[in-house]
Every structure is written in C-alpha cells, then in structure tokens.
Amino acid sequence: MTELKMQVNLGGLLMKNPVATASGTYGFGLEYKDYIDISQLGAIVGKGTTLLPKAGNAPPRMAETPAGMLNSVGLENPGLEAVIRDVLPKLRPYDVPLVMNISGNTAEEYGEMAARLTGVAGVAALEVNISCPNVKMGGLAFGTDPRAAALVTETVRKNTSLPVIVKLSPNVGDIAGIAKSVEAAGATAISLINTILGMAIDIRAQKPLLANIMGGLSGPAVKPVALRMVWQVAQAVKIPLMGIGGISIWQDAVEFLLAGASAVQVGTANFVDPQTPLSVLRGIEDYLRENGYSDIKQIIGLARSAT
C-alpha cells in the first residue's frame, strides 16, 4: 500500500496531517490526553489567552441548541504568564505543535503577547482572534473592520517571527474583504470561521438562556455558512486557510478541503466524542486511498477547479 503524504505547511506551521483542534474546545490538549493520543493530531489550538487573567462571563454561559450550542464563556483564562509558566511545560513531552490563540483589547496588547510568546518552547504559531472588542474604538470588534483587522495583524507580525494565523469573525458583510486586509498586513494563514452570534430563550422562565443574553453559535448548524466563507476567501487570497465550523465527521472535513482549506479544526464535536479528530483523520486517509490520491495536497481546492 502506497504511503499517504498527509503533511501540510500552513503558512510556516508544519503539521504532520491537516487535522487540528479548535480553540476553546480542547483546553491546551492536556485535558484530552487520557482519552486519545494527542501526538497523532496535526496541531492543537490552545484555549483563548489574554494578557491578564480573565474571570469570564457570569453563568449560565453555555446552552444546547438544535444542531449546535451557544457559549458566552468570555475568554476565561489565567493570563499569559500563568499559561507560559504552568501549562506549556506540561505539553512539551507530546509530539504535537501548539498554536497559541491570543486575544486583546488593543493592538498593543496583541503585540505584547506576540513578543512574549516568541521563542517559548513548544509554541509553533499564533492564532490571532480578532473577534475581540477594540476598546479604543468604542467596543467595535477588530474583526468587523478591515482597517482594525489589518492594524492588529501588522502589530502582531512586527512583534514575532512565528507564523501568524488570523482567525476571522463570520459576523461581517464582506468576509473576503477582511481576509484580503489581513493578508496584506502580513498574515501567513487564515482560520475561519469563529462562532456566529446567536441567542436562545427559556420559554418557561421567559428570559434568555445565557446570562450574557447572546453568545457564539457553533456545531453542525454553522457548517454551511463556514463552508461558504472558506470558498469565498480561498478565491480572494493566496495564503493558506484552516477551515472551522461544524466539522463532526470526516465527510465534513473533506468538504472544507475541497473548498480550498489546507487544514481543518474540530471543535464542538470534541464535547460529544473526544475521538472525533482522529476518526476524522482516518476518514480523510481512507477517502484519499479509495479515490486514488497519494497526497493530501491533491484534493485541496479541487471543487473550485471543477466550477
């Protein structure tokens, strides 16, 4: 049997295979080490981390919805220094690249975090979450404005030699325009999409289910939107993409690859079955063999060339 070539280079992030885990659904990987061999993953995208510790939003902050879930955790985390000191050393024995997901209230905060993480053992790349509020612009999310998104990207790029993967918000009118702005500002790759803003109401209590009223919708319900946005962005930029949104089975992942993503992230499905990322990986491998392909790169964007 011919050995499959599953390695991908996502803008400088070298992955042994195209399957990663999504930020906020996998901790830093250590939480899952007793359930799967995390060394088999292409990458782990760590829990969203901020410069200073954050307590997150008041509960309840998660709610199940048809074909998905809402969350308004609010980036609860112990802060950058605690993660570097207490968490990252425990991950080093595992043969899997860690992508640090970073969030900030100002471009300067993003830049400071990028500088501090550069050279930290085990950190292979940065995923820049631009769905955060820009406090200098009255709380407007960086990811909804091309200039603000470019400013954060440029600031991070100037402060690190690590690959810079910018994670796009779907809560915009022109996703391709945002993608082009971060590419021009120095992003080496793009991940998309982040969660879609939604809400749910408890009809018995007659009030919103989430204490924060609105939260991020994830899971199978968002997959068609995510797939559409990957398709659009793949036609607008030249840097590689990582597709996220509702990937629960290997067929979902193959759709994203065919649409133009070079890699994928499994998120909400991890809460249902911790084995999902590896079952997705095995399914992709079987698909390649059954269709006569020897290299994962042979199917990336293939559906676009057929139109």
Protein backbone atom coordinates (compact mmCIF):
# COMPACT_ATOMS: atom_id res chain seq x y z
CA MET A 1 0.00 0.00 0.00
CA THR A 2 1.39 3.41 -1.00
CA GLU A 3 2.17 5.61 1.96
CA LEU A 4 -0.01 8.70 2.05
CA LYS A 5 1.56 12.13 2.25
CA MET A 6 -0.54 13.94 4.84
CA GLN A 7 1.82 16.76 5.81
CA VAL A 8 0.73 20.34 5.24
CA ASN A 9 2.53 23.65 5.61
CA LEU A 10 0.07 26.22 6.85
CA GLY A 11 1.99 29.43 6.30
CA GLY A 12 5.02 28.18 8.21
CA LEU A 13 3.14 25.94 10.63
CA LEU A 14 4.30 22.43 9.78
CA MET A 15 1.61 19.85 10.51
CA LYS A 16 2.01 16.08 10.15
CA ASN A 17 -1.61 15.94 8.99
CA PRO A 18 -4.36 18.52 8.32
CA VAL A 19 -6.50 17.89 11.43
CA ALA A 20 -6.23 20.28 14.39
CA THR A 21 -8.47 21.02 17.37
CA ALA A 22 -10.32 24.31 17.73
CA SER A 23 -9.62 26.88 20.41
CA GLY A 24 -11.96 26.83 23.37
CA THR A 25 -12.96 23.20 22.87
CA TYR A 26 -9.74 21.42 23.77
CA GLY A 27 -8.04 23.35 26.56
CA PHE A 28 -4.33 23.00 25.79
CA GLY A 29 -4.69 19.34 24.88
CA LEU A 30 -3.73 18.02 28.29
CA GLU A 31 -7.38 17.65 29.24
CA TYR A 32 -7.78 15.02 26.49
CA LYS A 33 -4.52 13.10 26.85
CA ASP A 34 -6.21 10.27 28.78
CA TYR A 35 -8.80 9.81 26.03
CA ILE A 36 -6.74 9.96 22.82
CA ASP A 37 -3.11 10.04 21.74
CA ILE A 38 -2.81 13.78 21.23
CA SER A 39 0.54 13.26 19.47
CA GLN A 40 -1.40 11.98 16.46
CA LEU A 41 -3.03 15.38 15.91
CA GLY A 42 -1.79 17.78 13.27
CA ALA A 43 -1.88 20.61 15.81
CA ILE A 44 -3.60 21.74 18.99
CA VAL A 45 -5.00 25.26 19.03
CA GLY A 46 -4.92 26.34 22.65
CA LYS A 47 -7.61 27.93 24.75
CA GLY A 48 -8.05 31.64 24.09
CA THR A 49 -5.48 33.51 26.19
CA THR A 50 -5.35 37.16 27.17
CA LEU A 51 -2.51 39.27 28.55
CA LEU A 52 -4.05 39.43 32.01
CA PRO A 53 -6.27 36.86 33.77
CA LYS A 54 -9.99 36.95 32.95
CA ALA A 55 -12.81 35.57 35.07
CA GLY A 56 -15.14 35.27 32.08
CA ASN A 57 -18.86 35.93 31.96
CA ALA A 58 -21.43 35.09 34.62
CA PRO A 59 -23.24 31.73 34.33
CA PRO A 60 -25.19 30.27 32.73
CA ARG A 61 -22.85 30.65 29.79
CA MET A 62 -23.48 27.57 27.68
CA ALA A 63 -26.70 26.31 26.13
CA GLU A 64 -27.55 23.48 23.76
CA THR A 65 -29.41 24.39 20.59
CA PRO A 66 -30.71 22.33 17.66
CA ALA A 67 -27.62 21.01 15.81
CA GLY A 68 -25.24 23.05 17.90
CA MET A 69 -24.50 25.01 21.04
CA LEU A 70 -24.22 28.57 22.27
CA ASN A 71 -21.43 29.78 24.50
CA SER A 72 -20.56 33.07 26.16
CA VAL A 73 -17.66 31.89 28.31
CA GLY A 74 -15.99 35.25 27.92
CA LEU A 75 -12.41 34.06 27.45
CA GLU A 76 -11.95 32.85 30.99
CA ASN A 77 -8.23 32.09 31.39
CA PRO A 78 -5.39 32.51 33.89
CA GLY A 79 -3.49 35.04 31.79
CA LEU A 80 -0.44 34.76 29.57
CA GLU A 81 2.26 34.49 32.22
CA ALA A 82 0.45 31.70 34.07
CA VAL A 83 -0.06 29.76 30.84
CA ILE A 84 3.63 30.08 29.92
CA ARG A 85 4.77 29.13 33.43
CA ASP A 86 2.27 26.45 34.46
CA VAL A 87 0.70 24.94 31.35
CA LEU A 88 3.09 24.91 28.40
CA PRO A 89 5.89 22.92 30.09
CA LYS A 90 3.44 20.03 30.63
CA LEU A 91 2.67 19.87 26.90
CA ARG A 92 6.28 19.67 25.72
CA PRO A 93 6.65 15.87 26.03
CA TYR A 94 3.98 15.42 23.34
CA ASP A 95 4.91 15.46 19.66
CA VAL A 96 2.29 17.94 18.54
CA PRO A 97 2.64 21.63 17.60
CA LEU A 98 0.78 24.10 19.80
CA VAL A 99 -0.88 27.12 18.24
CA MET A 100 -1.48 29.82 20.85
CA ASN A 101 -4.82 31.59 20.40
CA ILE A 102 -4.41 35.19 21.60
CA SER A 103 -6.97 37.93 22.27
CA GLY A 104 -6.60 41.57 23.26
CA ASN A 105 -8.48 44.82 23.79
CA THR A 106 -5.93 46.92 21.90
CA ALA A 107 -3.48 46.31 19.09
CA GLU A 108 -0.70 46.96 21.58
CA GLU A 109 -1.88 44.08 23.78
CA TYR A 110 -1.77 41.71 20.83
CA GLY A 111 1.72 42.91 20.01
CA GLU A 112 2.95 42.41 23.57
CA MET A 113 1.56 38.88 23.71
CA ALA A 114 3.15 38.03 20.36
CA ALA A 115 6.53 39.25 21.57
CA ARG A 116 6.31 37.31 24.85
CA LEU A 117 5.37 34.07 23.11
CA THR A 118 8.14 34.26 20.52
CA GLY A 119 10.85 31.81 21.49
CA VAL A 120 8.74 29.98 24.09
CA ALA A 121 9.47 26.27 23.75
CA GLY A 122 6.61 24.34 22.18
CA VAL A 123 4.77 27.31 20.66
CA ALA A 124 4.65 26.72 16.91
CA ALA A 125 2.36 29.52 15.73
CA LEU A 126 -0.10 32.19 16.83
CA GLU A 127 -3.82 32.23 16.07
CA VAL A 128 -4.95 35.82 16.37
CA ASN A 129 -8.56 36.10 17.50
CA ILE A 130 -9.83 39.39 16.09
CA SER A 131 -13.40 38.87 17.29
CA CYS A 132 -12.49 40.87 20.41
CA PRO A 133 -13.72 44.38 21.21
CA ASN A 134 -11.39 47.25 20.39
CA VAL A 135 -11.65 49.44 23.47
CA LYS A 136 -10.14 52.38 21.60
CA MET A 137 -12.97 52.23 19.06
CA GLY A 138 -15.88 52.05 21.48
CA GLY A 139 -16.02 48.25 21.64
CA LEU A 140 -16.25 47.55 17.92
CA ALA A 141 -14.74 44.13 17.23
CA PHE A 142 -11.41 44.25 15.38
CA GLY A 143 -12.64 41.57 13.02
CA THR A 144 -15.57 43.59 11.69
CA ASP A 145 -13.45 46.42 10.25
CA PRO A 146 -10.76 45.85 7.59
CA ARG A 147 -8.51 48.63 8.89
CA ALA A 148 -8.72 47.47 12.51
CA ALA A 149 -8.13 43.86 11.47
CA ALA A 150 -5.09 44.93 9.45
CA LEU A 151 -3.74 47.00 12.36
CA VAL A 152 -3.81 44.04 14.74
CA THR A 153 -2.26 41.75 12.13
CA GLU A 154 0.51 44.21 11.31
CA THR A 155 1.26 44.77 15.01
CA VAL A 156 1.50 41.04 15.70
CA ARG A 157 3.63 40.48 12.60
CA LYS A 158 6.12 43.14 13.73
CA ASN A 159 6.47 41.53 17.15
CA THR A 160 7.02 37.89 16.24
CA SER A 161 8.84 35.55 13.92
CA LEU A 162 6.17 32.87 14.45
CA PRO A 163 3.56 32.06 11.78
CA VAL A 164 0.59 34.41 12.17
CA ILE A 165 -2.81 32.79 11.59
CA VAL A 166 -5.63 35.33 11.78
CA LYS A 167 -8.99 33.91 12.86
CA LEU A 168 -11.87 35.68 11.12
CA SER A 169 -15.28 36.52 12.50
CA PRO A 170 -18.28 35.50 10.37
CA ASN A 171 -20.35 38.39 11.73
CA VAL A 172 -19.45 40.63 8.79
CA GLY A 173 -20.88 41.54 5.41
CA ASP A 174 -17.69 41.06 3.36
CA ILE A 175 -15.56 38.19 4.66
CA ALA A 176 -13.31 38.28 1.59
CA GLY A 177 -12.54 41.96 2.17
CA ILE A 178 -11.45 41.30 5.75
CA ALA A 179 -9.33 38.36 4.56
CA LYS A 180 -7.56 40.46 1.95
CA SER A 181 -6.83 43.17 4.52
CA VAL A 182 -5.11 40.77 6.94
CA GLU A 183 -3.21 39.09 4.11
CA ALA A 184 -1.85 42.47 3.02
CA ALA A 185 -0.92 43.25 6.64
CA GLY A 186 1.29 40.19 6.97
CA ALA A 187 -0.86 37.20 7.96
CA THR A 188 0.77 33.94 6.91
CA ALA A 189 -2.51 31.99 7.08
CA ILE A 190 -6.18 32.48 7.92
CA SER A 191 -8.52 30.37 10.04
CA LEU A 192 -12.27 30.69 9.63
CA ILE A 193 -14.83 30.86 10.95
CA ASN A 194 -15.26 31.89 14.55
CA THR A 195 -18.72 31.47 16.08
CA ILE A 196 -21.86 33.13 14.75
CA LEU A 197 -23.68 35.47 17.12
CA GLY A 198 -26.94 33.96 18.35
CA MET A 199 -29.25 33.54 21.33
CA ALA A 200 -31.87 31.29 22.87
CA ILE A 201 -34.79 31.94 25.25
CA ASP A 202 -36.06 29.78 28.08
CA ILE A 203 -39.83 29.87 27.47
CA ARG A 204 -40.62 28.62 30.98
CA ALA A 205 -38.53 31.23 32.76
CA GLN A 206 -39.36 33.67 29.95
CA LYS A 207 -35.82 35.03 29.76
CA PRO A 208 -32.65 34.41 27.71
CA LEU A 209 -30.88 31.12 28.46
CA LEU A 210 -27.49 32.84 28.64
CA ALA A 211 -26.74 35.36 31.36
CA ASN A 212 -24.93 37.41 28.71
CA ILE A 213 -28.09 37.18 26.52
CA MET A 214 -26.15 36.50 23.32
CA GLY A 215 -23.36 34.03 22.62
CA GLY A 216 -21.44 32.28 19.89
CA LEU A 217 -23.22 29.55 17.93
CA SER A 218 -21.07 26.57 16.93
CA GLY A 219 -21.61 22.98 15.83
CA PRO A 220 -23.19 21.40 12.73
CA ALA A 221 -25.68 24.26 12.37
CA VAL A 222 -22.94 26.65 11.22
CA LYS A 223 -21.20 24.33 8.74
CA PRO A 224 -22.89 25.57 5.55
CA VAL A 225 -22.03 29.18 6.46
CA ALA A 226 -18.44 28.28 7.32
CA LEU A 227 -18.01 26.28 4.13
CA ARG A 228 -19.38 29.13 2.03
CA MET A 229 -16.96 31.58 3.65
CA VAL A 230 -13.97 29.30 3.14
CA TRP A 231 -14.94 29.01 -0.52
CA GLN A 232 -15.15 32.80 -0.88
CA VAL A 233 -11.91 33.52 0.96
CA ALA A 234 -9.99 30.82 -0.93
CA GLN A 235 -10.74 32.75 -4.12
CA ALA A 236 -9.72 36.09 -2.60
CA VAL A 237 -6.31 35.37 -1.02
CA LYS A 238 -3.16 33.41 -1.79
CA ILE A 239 -2.23 32.41 1.78
CA PRO A 240 -3.43 29.02 3.11
CA LEU A 241 -6.67 28.56 5.04
CA MET A 242 -7.75 26.45 8.01
CA GLY A 243 -11.47 25.65 7.91
CA ILE A 244 -13.57 25.61 11.08
CA GLY A 245 -17.27 25.19 11.72
CA GLY A 246 -19.42 22.18 12.41
CA ILE A 247 -16.92 19.50 11.42
CA SER A 248 -18.25 16.35 13.10
CA ILE A 249 -17.38 13.57 10.64
CA TRP A 250 -14.69 13.04 8.04
CA GLN A 251 -17.04 13.93 5.19
CA ASP A 252 -17.38 17.44 6.64
CA ALA A 253 -13.60 17.84 6.68
CA VAL A 254 -13.26 16.66 3.08
CA GLU A 255 -15.80 19.28 2.01
CA PHE A 256 -13.66 22.02 3.56
CA LEU A 257 -10.52 20.67 1.89
CA LEU A 258 -12.24 20.51 -1.49
CA ALA A 259 -13.46 24.09 -0.98
CA GLY A 260 -9.89 25.32 -0.55
CA ALA A 261 -8.85 24.83 3.08
CA SER A 262 -5.41 23.29 3.58
CA ALA A 263 -6.31 22.09 7.09
CA VAL A 264 -9.32 21.90 9.39
CA GLN A 265 -10.15 22.31 13.07
CA VAL A 266 -12.55 20.09 15.00
CA GLY A 267 -14.35 21.99 17.75
CA THR A 268 -17.78 21.38 19.27
CA ALA A 269 -17.70 17.70 18.23
CA ASN A 270 -14.98 17.14 20.85
CA PHE A 271 -17.62 17.59 23.55
CA VAL A 272 -19.64 14.75 22.02
CA ASP A 273 -16.77 12.33 21.36
CA PRO A 274 -13.11 13.06 22.20
CA GLN A 275 -12.10 10.60 19.48
CA THR A 276 -13.62 12.78 16.73
CA PRO A 277 -10.38 14.42 15.48
CA LEU A 278 -8.70 11.06 14.97
CA SER A 279 -11.78 9.48 13.36
CA VAL A 280 -11.91 12.48 11.00
CA LEU A 281 -8.24 11.97 10.17
CA ARG A 282 -8.71 8.25 9.45
CA GLY A 283 -11.71 9.03 7.26
CA ILE A 284 -9.71 11.53 5.20
CA GLU A 285 -6.98 8.94 4.73
CA ASP A 286 -9.48 6.31 3.58
CA TYR A 287 -11.05 8.83 1.18
CA LEU A 288 -7.68 9.54 -0.41
CA ARG A 289 -6.89 5.85 -0.87
CA GLU A 290 -10.31 4.98 -2.26
CA ASN A 291 -10.08 7.79 -4.81
CA GLY A 292 -6.51 7.10 -5.91
CA TYR A 293 -4.76 10.05 -4.27
CA SER A 294 -1.35 9.78 -2.61
CA ASP A 295 -1.00 13.31 -1.24
CA ILE A 296 -3.48 15.43 0.73
CA LYS A 297 -2.49 18.43 -1.38
CA GLN A 298 -4.08 16.80 -4.42
CA ILE A 299 -7.61 17.49 -3.17
CA ILE A 300 -7.16 20.98 -1.69
CA GLY A 301 -9.42 23.34 -3.65
CA LEU A 302 -10.37 20.62 -6.11
CA ALA A 303 -14.07 21.53 -6.07
CA ARG A 304 -13.24 25.11 -7.11
CA SER A 305 -11.42 23.92 -10.20
CA ALA A 306 -14.49 21.92 -11.20
CA THR A 307 -16.74 25.00 -11.45
